[in-house]
Amino acid sequence: MIVLPKSWQQQWQGKDLFEQVLSLQGEEYRNMDGRRTLRFEKDGKGYFAKLYSGIGWPRILKSLLTLRKPPVLSAANEWLAIRKLEELGVDTMTLVGYGEQGTSLAHRQSFIITEELQPTESLEDFCRSWPQQPPPVALKRALIEKLATISRSLHDHGVNHRDYYLCHFLLDLSAGREQLDPQDLTLYLIDLHRVQFHKQLPQRWRLKDLAALYFSSMEIGLTQRDLYRFIRVYTRQPLRQALVEHDRLWQQIERRGDQLLERFYRKYQA
């Protein structure tokens, strides 16, 4: 199976389309576990490609023997995740191409191509200066409510991200950084290759997502009132009811967030 714009297919007419995609060159962001992620330009536009070449049976067997899940083996999961988010009305990447070939689990080749999202900035970078330069109150509240709404939509429909950090939310800056309208914000959720789908989301995956989001926002100057705002919007319940009914979840999130922050400092700032 291969899906590409007609103009690309015409330009590559008579050539192996799969080989043309897998040989794309550009600025490489990642190259490990059988997956290359790169930015490239074509016909004056920017794109991102994730190219999967297979990780081989030894790597898969090693993961199984150590009771670990192997890395994501193909682009199919991200393709499905983007389609699911589109269905839910959650802004994400725009699909341009997808392909998969081969029957061997260990040597299957696949790719996914999406449009570059520009001009954007990750929330991690956008919020970094908040402790020293607090944002307008209306903007901060709007972003918190936007994150809570996206989180609720995903989780209520059985979807969990597994890498749910601020760095994987891109804020649309088309209107200009200083002209952002709190009533008209667009947040793109990216890096969906590890997304999981469930009929009903298990509590441990809800906890993992929310703890990751909490951890990545622990040092941007949020107040207790800000956290309460997120909880109220996420649960769609009056605050008192949400705190009482889900008390154990909030305690677990706080504990897990503290653990992640401690691990971060131990690993990167020792």
C-alpha atoms as a PDB file:
ATOM      1  CA  MET A   1       0.000   0.000   0.000  1.00  0.00           C
ATOM      2  CA  ILE A   2       1.269   3.471  -0.824  1.00  0.00           C
ATOM      3  CA  VAL A   3      -0.424   6.873  -0.710  1.00  0.00           C
ATOM      4  CA  LEU A   4       1.316   9.959  -2.114  1.00  0.00           C
ATOM      5  CA  PRO A   5       0.240  13.247  -3.743  1.00  0.00           C
ATOM      6  CA  LYS A   6      -0.426  12.839  -7.450  1.00  0.00           C
ATOM      7  CA  SER A   7       2.150  15.505  -8.278  1.00  0.00           C
ATOM      8  CA  TRP A   8       4.848  13.494  -6.485  1.00  0.00           C
ATOM      9  CA  GLN A   9       3.837  10.312  -8.245  1.00  0.00           C
ATOM     10  CA  GLN A  10       4.053  12.103 -11.595  1.00  0.00           C
ATOM     11  CA  GLN A  11       7.507  13.463 -10.793  1.00  0.00           C
ATOM     12  CA  TRP A  12       8.677   9.969  -9.829  1.00  0.00           C
ATOM     13  CA  GLN A  13       6.921   8.224 -12.706  1.00  0.00           C
ATOM     14  CA  GLY A  14       8.762   5.089 -13.789  1.00  0.00           C
ATOM     15  CA  LYS A  15      10.652   4.874 -10.488  1.00  0.00           C
ATOM     16  CA  ASP A  16      10.032   2.776  -7.394  1.00  0.00           C
ATOM     17  CA  LEU A  17       7.929   5.134  -5.266  1.00  0.00           C
ATOM     18  CA  PHE A  18       8.845   3.374  -2.060  1.00  0.00           C
ATOM     19  CA  GLU A  19      12.541   3.668  -2.765  1.00  0.00           C
ATOM     20  CA  GLN A  20      12.146   7.353  -3.608  1.00  0.00           C
ATOM     21  CA  VAL A  21      10.574   8.018  -0.219  1.00  0.00           C
ATOM     22  CA  LEU A  22      13.004   5.891   1.791  1.00  0.00           C
ATOM     23  CA  SER A  23      15.946   7.669   0.175  1.00  0.00           C
ATOM     24  CA  LEU A  24      14.704  11.159   1.072  1.00  0.00           C
ATOM     25  CA  GLN A  25      17.382  13.411   2.538  1.00  0.00           C
ATOM     26  CA  GLY A  26      17.049  16.346   4.885  1.00  0.00           C
ATOM     27  CA  GLU A  27      17.678  17.532   8.426  1.00  0.00           C
ATOM     28  CA  GLU A  28      17.719  14.366  10.530  1.00  0.00           C
ATOM     29  CA  TYR A  29      16.124  14.517  13.978  1.00  0.00           C
ATOM     30  CA  ARG A  30      16.311  10.852  14.937  1.00  0.00           C
ATOM     31  CA  ASN A  31      17.885   7.655  13.641  1.00  0.00           C
ATOM     32  CA  MET A  32      17.589   4.615  15.882  1.00  0.00           C
ATOM     33  CA  ASP A  33      15.525   1.463  16.418  1.00  0.00           C
ATOM     34  CA  GLY A  34      14.920   1.208  12.690  1.00  0.00           C
ATOM     35  CA  ARG A  35      13.296   4.624  12.395  1.00  0.00           C
ATOM     36  CA  ARG A  36      14.565   7.827  10.796  1.00  0.00           C
ATOM     37  CA  THR A  37      12.798  11.128  11.389  1.00  0.00           C
ATOM     38  CA  LEU A  38      13.751  13.984   9.128  1.00  0.00           C
ATOM     39  CA  ARG A  39      12.612  17.306   7.775  1.00  0.00           C
ATOM     40  CA  PHE A  40      12.827  17.825   4.027  1.00  0.00           C
ATOM     41  CA  GLU A  41      11.613  20.280   1.436  1.00  0.00           C
ATOM     42  CA  LYS A  42       9.847  19.520  -1.812  1.00  0.00           C
ATOM     43  CA  ASP A  43       8.452  21.973  -4.331  1.00  0.00           C
ATOM     44  CA  GLY A  44       9.108  24.838  -1.932  1.00  0.00           C
ATOM     45  CA  LYS A  45       7.250  23.358   1.056  1.00  0.00           C
ATOM     46  CA  GLY A  46       8.511  21.772   4.256  1.00  0.00           C
ATOM     47  CA  TYR A  47       7.572  18.258   5.370  1.00  0.00           C
ATOM     48  CA  PHE A  48       8.435  15.721   8.048  1.00  0.00           C
ATOM     49  CA  ALA A  49       8.947  12.043   7.284  1.00  0.00           C
ATOM     50  CA  LYS A  50       9.242   9.048   9.576  1.00  0.00           C
ATOM     51  CA  LEU A  51      10.881   6.177   7.724  1.00  0.00           C
ATOM     52  CA  TYR A  52      10.781   2.669   9.188  1.00  0.00           C
ATOM     53  CA  SER A  53      13.202   0.056   7.903  1.00  0.00           C
ATOM     54  CA  GLY A  54      12.601  -2.759  10.412  1.00  0.00           C
ATOM     55  CA  ILE A  55      14.572  -3.582  13.557  1.00  0.00           C
ATOM     56  CA  GLY A  56      15.309  -7.263  12.941  1.00  0.00           C
ATOM     57  CA  TRP A  57      14.402 -10.350  14.942  1.00  0.00           C
ATOM     58  CA  PRO A  58      17.297 -10.110  17.462  1.00  0.00           C
ATOM     59  CA  ARG A  59      16.018  -6.727  18.680  1.00  0.00           C
ATOM     60  CA  ILE A  60      12.450  -7.994  18.947  1.00  0.00           C
ATOM     61  CA  LEU A  61      13.491 -11.172  20.762  1.00  0.00           C
ATOM     62  CA  LYS A  62      15.646  -9.184  23.179  1.00  0.00           C
ATOM     63  CA  SER A  63      12.644  -7.026  24.075  1.00  0.00           C
ATOM     64  CA  LEU A  64      10.463 -10.076  24.624  1.00  0.00           C
ATOM     65  CA  LEU A  65      13.069 -11.846  26.756  1.00  0.00           C
ATOM     66  CA  THR A  66      13.426  -8.781  28.976  1.00  0.00           C
ATOM     67  CA  LEU A  67       9.620  -8.458  29.201  1.00  0.00           C
ATOM     68  CA  ARG A  68       9.696  -5.135  27.389  1.00  0.00           C
ATOM     69  CA  LYS A  69       7.576  -4.103  24.464  1.00  0.00           C
ATOM     70  CA  PRO A  70       9.628  -3.696  21.272  1.00  0.00           C
ATOM     71  CA  PRO A  71       9.804  -0.220  19.711  1.00  0.00           C
ATOM     72  CA  VAL A  72       7.015   0.787  17.353  1.00  0.00           C
ATOM     73  CA  LEU A  73       7.579  -1.311  14.234  1.00  0.00           C
ATOM     74  CA  SER A  74       5.761   0.638  11.528  1.00  0.00           C
ATOM     75  CA  ALA A  75       4.169   3.925  10.582  1.00  0.00           C
ATOM     76  CA  ALA A  76       0.697   2.381  10.625  1.00  0.00           C
ATOM     77  CA  ASN A  77       0.038   3.319  14.243  1.00  0.00           C
ATOM     78  CA  GLU A  78       0.726   7.003  13.665  1.00  0.00           C
ATOM     79  CA  TRP A  79      -1.393   6.955  10.518  1.00  0.00           C
ATOM     80  CA  LEU A  80      -4.309   5.555  12.527  1.00  0.00           C
ATOM     81  CA  ALA A  81      -3.681   7.984  15.391  1.00  0.00           C
ATOM     82  CA  ILE A  82      -3.836  11.029  13.120  1.00  0.00           C
ATOM     83  CA  ARG A  83      -7.085   9.749  11.615  1.00  0.00           C
ATOM     84  CA  LYS A  84      -8.513   9.202  15.091  1.00  0.00           C
ATOM     85  CA  LEU A  85      -7.590  12.695  16.275  1.00  0.00           C
ATOM     86  CA  GLU A  86      -9.112  14.170  13.139  1.00  0.00           C
ATOM     87  CA  GLU A  87     -12.297  12.268  13.956  1.00  0.00           C
ATOM     88  CA  LEU A  88     -12.276  13.673  17.505  1.00  0.00           C
ATOM     89  CA  GLY A  89     -11.652  17.227  16.331  1.00  0.00           C
ATOM     90  CA  VAL A  90      -8.219  17.420  17.969  1.00  0.00           C
ATOM     91  CA  ASP A  91      -5.781  19.462  15.885  1.00  0.00           C
ATOM     92  CA  THR A  92      -2.739  17.480  14.794  1.00  0.00           C
ATOM     93  CA  MET A  93      -0.442  16.957  11.828  1.00  0.00           C
ATOM     94  CA  THR A  94      -1.754  16.987   8.262  1.00  0.00           C
ATOM     95  CA  LEU A  95      -1.154  13.718   6.439  1.00  0.00           C
ATOM     96  CA  VAL A  96       0.583  13.852   3.082  1.00  0.00           C
ATOM     97  CA  GLY A  97       1.748  10.301   2.457  1.00  0.00           C
ATOM     98  CA  TYR A  98       1.787   6.812   3.886  1.00  0.00           C
ATOM     99  CA  GLY A  99       3.120   3.490   2.717  1.00  0.00           C
ATOM    100  CA  GLU A 100       3.890   0.008   3.956  1.00  0.00           C
ATOM    101  CA  GLN A 101       5.394  -3.060   2.338  1.00  0.00           C
ATOM    102  CA  GLY A 102       6.605  -6.488   3.450  1.00  0.00           C
ATOM    103  CA  THR A 103       5.007  -9.172   5.603  1.00  0.00           C
ATOM    104  CA  SER A 104       7.850  -9.836   8.049  1.00  0.00           C
ATOM    105  CA  LEU A 105       7.260  -8.163  11.403  1.00  0.00           C
ATOM    106  CA  ALA A 106      10.993  -7.598  11.819  1.00  0.00           C
ATOM    107  CA  HIS A 107      11.765  -6.273   8.339  1.00  0.00           C
ATOM    108  CA  ARG A 108       8.600  -4.452   7.311  1.00  0.00           C
ATOM    109  CA  GLN A 109       9.242  -1.106   5.642  1.00  0.00           C
ATOM    110  CA  SER A 110       6.887   1.830   6.050  1.00  0.00           C
ATOM    111  CA  PHE A 111       6.710   5.597   6.090  1.00  0.00           C
ATOM    112  CA  ILE A 112       4.493   8.492   7.025  1.00  0.00           C
ATOM    113  CA  ILE A 113       4.833  12.050   5.711  1.00  0.00           C
ATOM    114  CA  THR A 114       3.160  15.111   7.206  1.00  0.00           C
ATOM    115  CA  GLU A 115       3.188  18.817   6.465  1.00  0.00           C
ATOM    116  CA  GLU A 116       5.522  20.980   8.489  1.00  0.00           C
ATOM    117  CA  LEU A 117       3.561  22.993  11.048  1.00  0.00           C
ATOM    118  CA  GLN A 118       4.783  26.571  10.784  1.00  0.00           C
ATOM    119  CA  PRO A 119       4.828  29.053  12.332  1.00  0.00           C
ATOM    120  CA  THR A 120       4.493  27.210  15.635  1.00  0.00           C
ATOM    121  CA  GLU A 121       6.271  26.892  18.969  1.00  0.00           C
ATOM    122  CA  SER A 122       6.135  24.035  21.445  1.00  0.00           C
ATOM    123  CA  LEU A 123       4.367  24.819  24.700  1.00  0.00           C
ATOM    124  CA  GLU A 124       7.533  23.783  26.507  1.00  0.00           C
ATOM    125  CA  ASP A 125       9.406  26.657  24.860  1.00  0.00           C
ATOM    126  CA  PHE A 126       6.472  29.061  24.891  1.00  0.00           C
ATOM    127  CA  CYS A 127       5.931  28.671  28.656  1.00  0.00           C
ATOM    128  CA  ARG A 128       9.598  28.516  29.672  1.00  0.00           C
ATOM    129  CA  SER A 129       9.807  32.195  30.647  1.00  0.00           C
ATOM    130  CA  TRP A 130       6.514  32.306  32.551  1.00  0.00           C
ATOM    131  CA  PRO A 131       8.095  32.258  36.042  1.00  0.00           C
ATOM    132  CA  GLN A 132      10.037  35.440  35.203  1.00  0.00           C
ATOM    133  CA  GLN A 133       7.557  36.942  32.714  1.00  0.00           C
ATOM    134  CA  PRO A 134       4.024  35.830  33.551  1.00  0.00           C
ATOM    135  CA  PRO A 135       1.683  35.724  30.542  1.00  0.00           C
ATOM    136  CA  PRO A 136      -1.614  37.593  30.337  1.00  0.00           C
ATOM    137  CA  VAL A 137      -4.049  35.880  32.695  1.00  0.00           C
ATOM    138  CA  ALA A 138      -6.621  35.317  29.953  1.00  0.00           C
ATOM    139  CA  LEU A 139      -4.038  33.603  27.741  1.00  0.00           C
ATOM    140  CA  LYS A 140      -2.810  31.311  30.500  1.00  0.00           C
ATOM    141  CA  ARG A 141      -6.347  30.317  31.445  1.00  0.00           C
ATOM    142  CA  ALA A 142      -7.249  29.671  27.816  1.00  0.00           C
ATOM    143  CA  LEU A 143      -4.218  27.410  27.301  1.00  0.00           C
ATOM    144  CA  ILE A 144      -4.976  25.458  30.486  1.00  0.00           C
ATOM    145  CA  GLU A 145      -8.588  24.949  29.420  1.00  0.00           C
ATOM    146  CA  LYS A 146      -7.470  23.968  25.915  1.00  0.00           C
ATOM    147  CA  LEU A 147      -5.095  21.329  27.287  1.00  0.00           C
ATOM    148  CA  ALA A 148      -7.756  20.004  29.643  1.00  0.00           C
ATOM    149  CA  THR A 149     -10.321  19.787  26.837  1.00  0.00           C
ATOM    150  CA  ILE A 150      -7.924  17.942  24.519  1.00  0.00           C
ATOM    151  CA  SER A 151      -6.952  15.557  27.323  1.00  0.00           C
ATOM    152  CA  ARG A 152     -10.571  14.840  28.170  1.00  0.00           C
ATOM    153  CA  SER A 153     -11.484  14.235  24.527  1.00  0.00           C
ATOM    154  CA  LEU A 154      -8.640  11.750  24.065  1.00  0.00           C
ATOM    155  CA  HIS A 155      -9.191   9.882  27.312  1.00  0.00           C
ATOM    156  CA  ASP A 156     -12.985   9.790  27.100  1.00  0.00           C
ATOM    157  CA  HIS A 157     -12.602   8.090  23.704  1.00  0.00           C
ATOM    158  CA  GLY A 158     -10.064   5.512  24.866  1.00  0.00           C
ATOM    159  CA  VAL A 159      -6.951   7.183  23.434  1.00  0.00           C
ATOM    160  CA  ASN A 160      -3.702   7.679  25.334  1.00  0.00           C
ATOM    161  CA  HIS A 161      -0.548   9.329  24.003  1.00  0.00           C
ATOM    162  CA  ARG A 162       2.245   7.763  26.128  1.00  0.00           C
ATOM    163  CA  ASP A 163       4.555  10.790  25.636  1.00  0.00           C
ATOM    164  CA  TYR A 164       2.143  13.443  26.816  1.00  0.00           C
ATOM    165  CA  TYR A 165       4.493  16.331  27.502  1.00  0.00           C
ATOM    166  CA  LEU A 166       4.225  20.052  26.761  1.00  0.00           C
ATOM    167  CA  CYS A 167       6.908  19.687  24.099  1.00  0.00           C
ATOM    168  CA  HIS A 168       4.469  17.642  21.989  1.00  0.00           C
ATOM    169  CA  PHE A 169       1.934  20.459  21.801  1.00  0.00           C
ATOM    170  CA  LEU A 170       2.666  23.071  19.135  1.00  0.00           C
ATOM    171  CA  LEU A 171       1.007  26.459  19.491  1.00  0.00           C
ATOM    172  CA  ASP A 172      -0.001  28.131  16.232  1.00  0.00           C
ATOM    173  CA  LEU A 173       1.678  31.546  16.033  1.00  0.00           C
ATOM    174  CA  SER A 174       0.246  32.589  12.670  1.00  0.00           C
ATOM    175  CA  ALA A 175      -1.283  35.693  14.229  1.00  0.00           C
ATOM    176  CA  GLY A 176       2.008  36.652  15.880  1.00  0.00           C
ATOM    177  CA  ARG A 177       3.311  35.843  19.336  1.00  0.00           C
ATOM    178  CA  GLU A 178       2.118  39.135  20.818  1.00  0.00           C
ATOM    179  CA  GLN A 179      -1.270  39.075  19.068  1.00  0.00           C
ATOM    180  CA  LEU A 180      -2.517  35.705  20.298  1.00  0.00           C
ATOM    181  CA  ASP A 181      -6.260  35.694  20.876  1.00  0.00           C
ATOM    182  CA  PRO A 182      -7.199  33.627  23.968  1.00  0.00           C
ATOM    183  CA  GLN A 183     -10.560  32.943  22.323  1.00  0.00           C
ATOM    184  CA  ASP A 184      -9.003  31.537  19.162  1.00  0.00           C
ATOM    185  CA  LEU A 185      -6.010  29.344  20.007  1.00  0.00           C
ATOM    186  CA  THR A 186      -4.856  26.329  18.008  1.00  0.00           C
ATOM    187  CA  LEU A 187      -2.775  23.597  19.641  1.00  0.00           C
ATOM    188  CA  TYR A 188      -1.419  20.778  17.499  1.00  0.00           C
ATOM    189  CA  LEU A 189      -0.708  17.459  19.229  1.00  0.00           C
ATOM    190  CA  ILE A 190       2.231  15.710  17.560  1.00  0.00           C
ATOM    191  CA  ASP A 191       4.519  12.663  17.904  1.00  0.00           C
ATOM    192  CA  LEU A 192       1.724  10.099  17.836  1.00  0.00           C
ATOM    193  CA  HIS A 193       3.659   6.948  16.961  1.00  0.00           C
ATOM    194  CA  ARG A 194       3.158   5.391  20.429  1.00  0.00           C
ATOM    195  CA  VAL A 195      -0.538   6.227  20.778  1.00  0.00           C
ATOM    196  CA  GLN A 196      -2.764   3.425  22.067  1.00  0.00           C
ATOM    197  CA  PHE A 197      -6.456   2.802  21.447  1.00  0.00           C
ATOM    198  CA  HIS A 198      -8.889   1.212  23.923  1.00  0.00           C
ATOM    199  CA  LYS A 199     -12.640   0.718  24.179  1.00  0.00           C
ATOM    200  CA  GLN A 200     -12.317   2.273  27.627  1.00  0.00           C
ATOM    201  CA  LEU A 201      -9.084   3.824  28.841  1.00  0.00           C
ATOM    202  CA  PRO A 202      -7.467   1.883  31.718  1.00  0.00           C
ATOM    203  CA  GLN A 203      -6.717   4.056  34.716  1.00  0.00           C
ATOM    204  CA  ARG A 204      -2.967   3.397  34.546  1.00  0.00           C
ATOM    205  CA  TRP A 205      -2.744   4.960  31.088  1.00  0.00           C
ATOM    206  CA  ARG A 206      -4.819   7.947  32.147  1.00  0.00           C
ATOM    207  CA  LEU A 207      -2.410   8.352  35.063  1.00  0.00           C
ATOM    208  CA  LYS A 208       0.657   8.072  32.818  1.00  0.00           C
ATOM    209  CA  ASP A 209      -0.551  10.765  30.424  1.00  0.00           C
ATOM    210  CA  LEU A 210      -1.673  13.208  33.104  1.00  0.00           C
ATOM    211  CA  ALA A 211       1.440  12.685  35.226  1.00  0.00           C
ATOM    212  CA  ALA A 212       3.646  13.390  32.215  1.00  0.00           C
ATOM    213  CA  LEU A 213       1.708  16.570  31.467  1.00  0.00           C
ATOM    214  CA  TYR A 214       1.891  17.628  35.123  1.00  0.00           C
ATOM    215  CA  PHE A 215       5.634  16.927  35.295  1.00  0.00           C
ATOM    216  CA  SER A 216       6.354  18.986  32.185  1.00  0.00           C
ATOM    217  CA  SER A 217       4.426  21.941  33.627  1.00  0.00           C
ATOM    218  CA  MET A 218       5.806  21.847  37.175  1.00  0.00           C
ATOM    219  CA  GLU A 219       8.328  24.645  36.669  1.00  0.00           C
ATOM    220  CA  ILE A 220       6.418  27.170  34.569  1.00  0.00           C
ATOM    221  CA  GLY A 221       4.856  29.030  37.472  1.00  0.00           C
ATOM    222  CA  LEU A 222       1.403  27.458  37.651  1.00  0.00           C
ATOM    223  CA  THR A 223      -0.625  28.130  40.799  1.00  0.00           C
ATOM    224  CA  GLN A 224      -2.909  25.803  42.712  1.00  0.00           C
ATOM    225  CA  ARG A 225      -5.821  27.671  41.174  1.00  0.00           C
ATOM    226  CA  ASP A 226      -4.431  26.899  37.704  1.00  0.00           C
ATOM    227  CA  LEU A 227      -4.309  23.187  38.530  1.00  0.00           C
ATOM    228  CA  TYR A 228      -7.864  23.322  39.860  1.00  0.00           C
ATOM    229  CA  ARG A 229      -8.967  24.945  36.595  1.00  0.00           C
ATOM    230  CA  PHE A 230      -7.490  22.036  34.633  1.00  0.00           C
ATOM    231  CA  ILE A 231      -9.195  19.493  36.915  1.00  0.00           C
ATOM    232  CA  ARG A 232     -12.583  21.173  36.630  1.00  0.00           C
ATOM    233  CA  VAL A 233     -12.468  21.319  32.814  1.00  0.00           C
ATOM    234  CA  TYR A 234     -10.962  17.831  32.451  1.00  0.00           C
ATOM    235  CA  THR A 235     -13.621  16.165  34.616  1.00  0.00           C
ATOM    236  CA  ARG A 236     -16.531  18.419  33.618  1.00  0.00           C
ATOM    237  CA  GLN A 237     -17.527  18.416  37.279  1.00  0.00           C
ATOM    238  CA  PRO A 238     -17.784  21.080  39.988  1.00  0.00           C
ATOM    239  CA  LEU A 239     -14.351  21.359  41.573  1.00  0.00           C
ATOM    240  CA  ARG A 240     -15.329  20.014  44.998  1.00  0.00           C
ATOM    241  CA  GLN A 241     -16.950  16.949  43.439  1.00  0.00           C
ATOM    242  CA  ALA A 242     -13.972  16.350  41.126  1.00  0.00           C
ATOM    243  CA  LEU A 243     -11.506  16.557  44.005  1.00  0.00           C
ATOM    244  CA  VAL A 244     -13.473  14.147  46.174  1.00  0.00           C
ATOM    245  CA  GLU A 245     -14.436  11.568  43.539  1.00  0.00           C
ATOM    246  CA  HIS A 246     -10.975  11.389  41.957  1.00  0.00           C
ATOM    247  CA  ASP A 247      -8.851  12.131  44.992  1.00  0.00           C
ATOM    248  CA  ARG A 248      -6.646   9.045  44.565  1.00  0.00           C
ATOM    249  CA  LEU A 249      -5.924   9.899  40.915  1.00  0.00           C
ATOM    250  CA  TRP A 250      -4.761  13.453  41.737  1.00  0.00           C
ATOM    251  CA  GLN A 251      -2.537  12.138  44.532  1.00  0.00           C
ATOM    252  CA  GLN A 252      -0.994   9.579  42.194  1.00  0.00           C
ATOM    253  CA  ILE A 253      -0.404  12.204  39.515  1.00  0.00           C
ATOM    254  CA  GLU A 254       1.345  14.497  41.976  1.00  0.00           C
ATOM    255  CA  ARG A 255       3.503  11.662  43.311  1.00  0.00           C
ATOM    256  CA  ARG A 256       4.419  10.440  39.824  1.00  0.00           C
ATOM    257  CA  GLY A 257       5.196  13.993  38.692  1.00  0.00           C
ATOM    258  CA  ASP A 258       7.547  14.489  41.642  1.00  0.00           C
ATOM    259  CA  GLN A 259       9.289  11.218  40.786  1.00  0.00           C
ATOM    260  CA  LEU A 260       9.722  12.219  37.151  1.00  0.00           C
ATOM    261  CA  LEU A 261      11.153  15.611  38.130  1.00  0.00           C
ATOM    262  CA  GLU A 262      13.586  14.007  40.568  1.00  0.00           C
ATOM    263  CA  ARG A 263      14.665  11.519  37.900  1.00  0.00           C
ATOM    264  CA  PHE A 264      15.103  14.343  35.386  1.00  0.00           C
ATOM    265  CA  TYR A 265      17.423  16.309  37.662  1.00  0.00           C
ATOM    266  CA  ARG A 266      19.353  13.193  38.592  1.00  0.00           C
ATOM    267  CA  LYS A 267      19.899  12.288  34.957  1.00  0.00           C
ATOM    268  CA  TYR A 268      20.517  15.648  33.291  1.00  0.00           C
ATOM    269  CA  GLN A 269      21.777  17.957  36.008  1.00  0.00           C
ATOM    270  CA  ALA A 270      23.911  15.690  38.161  1.00  0.00           C
END
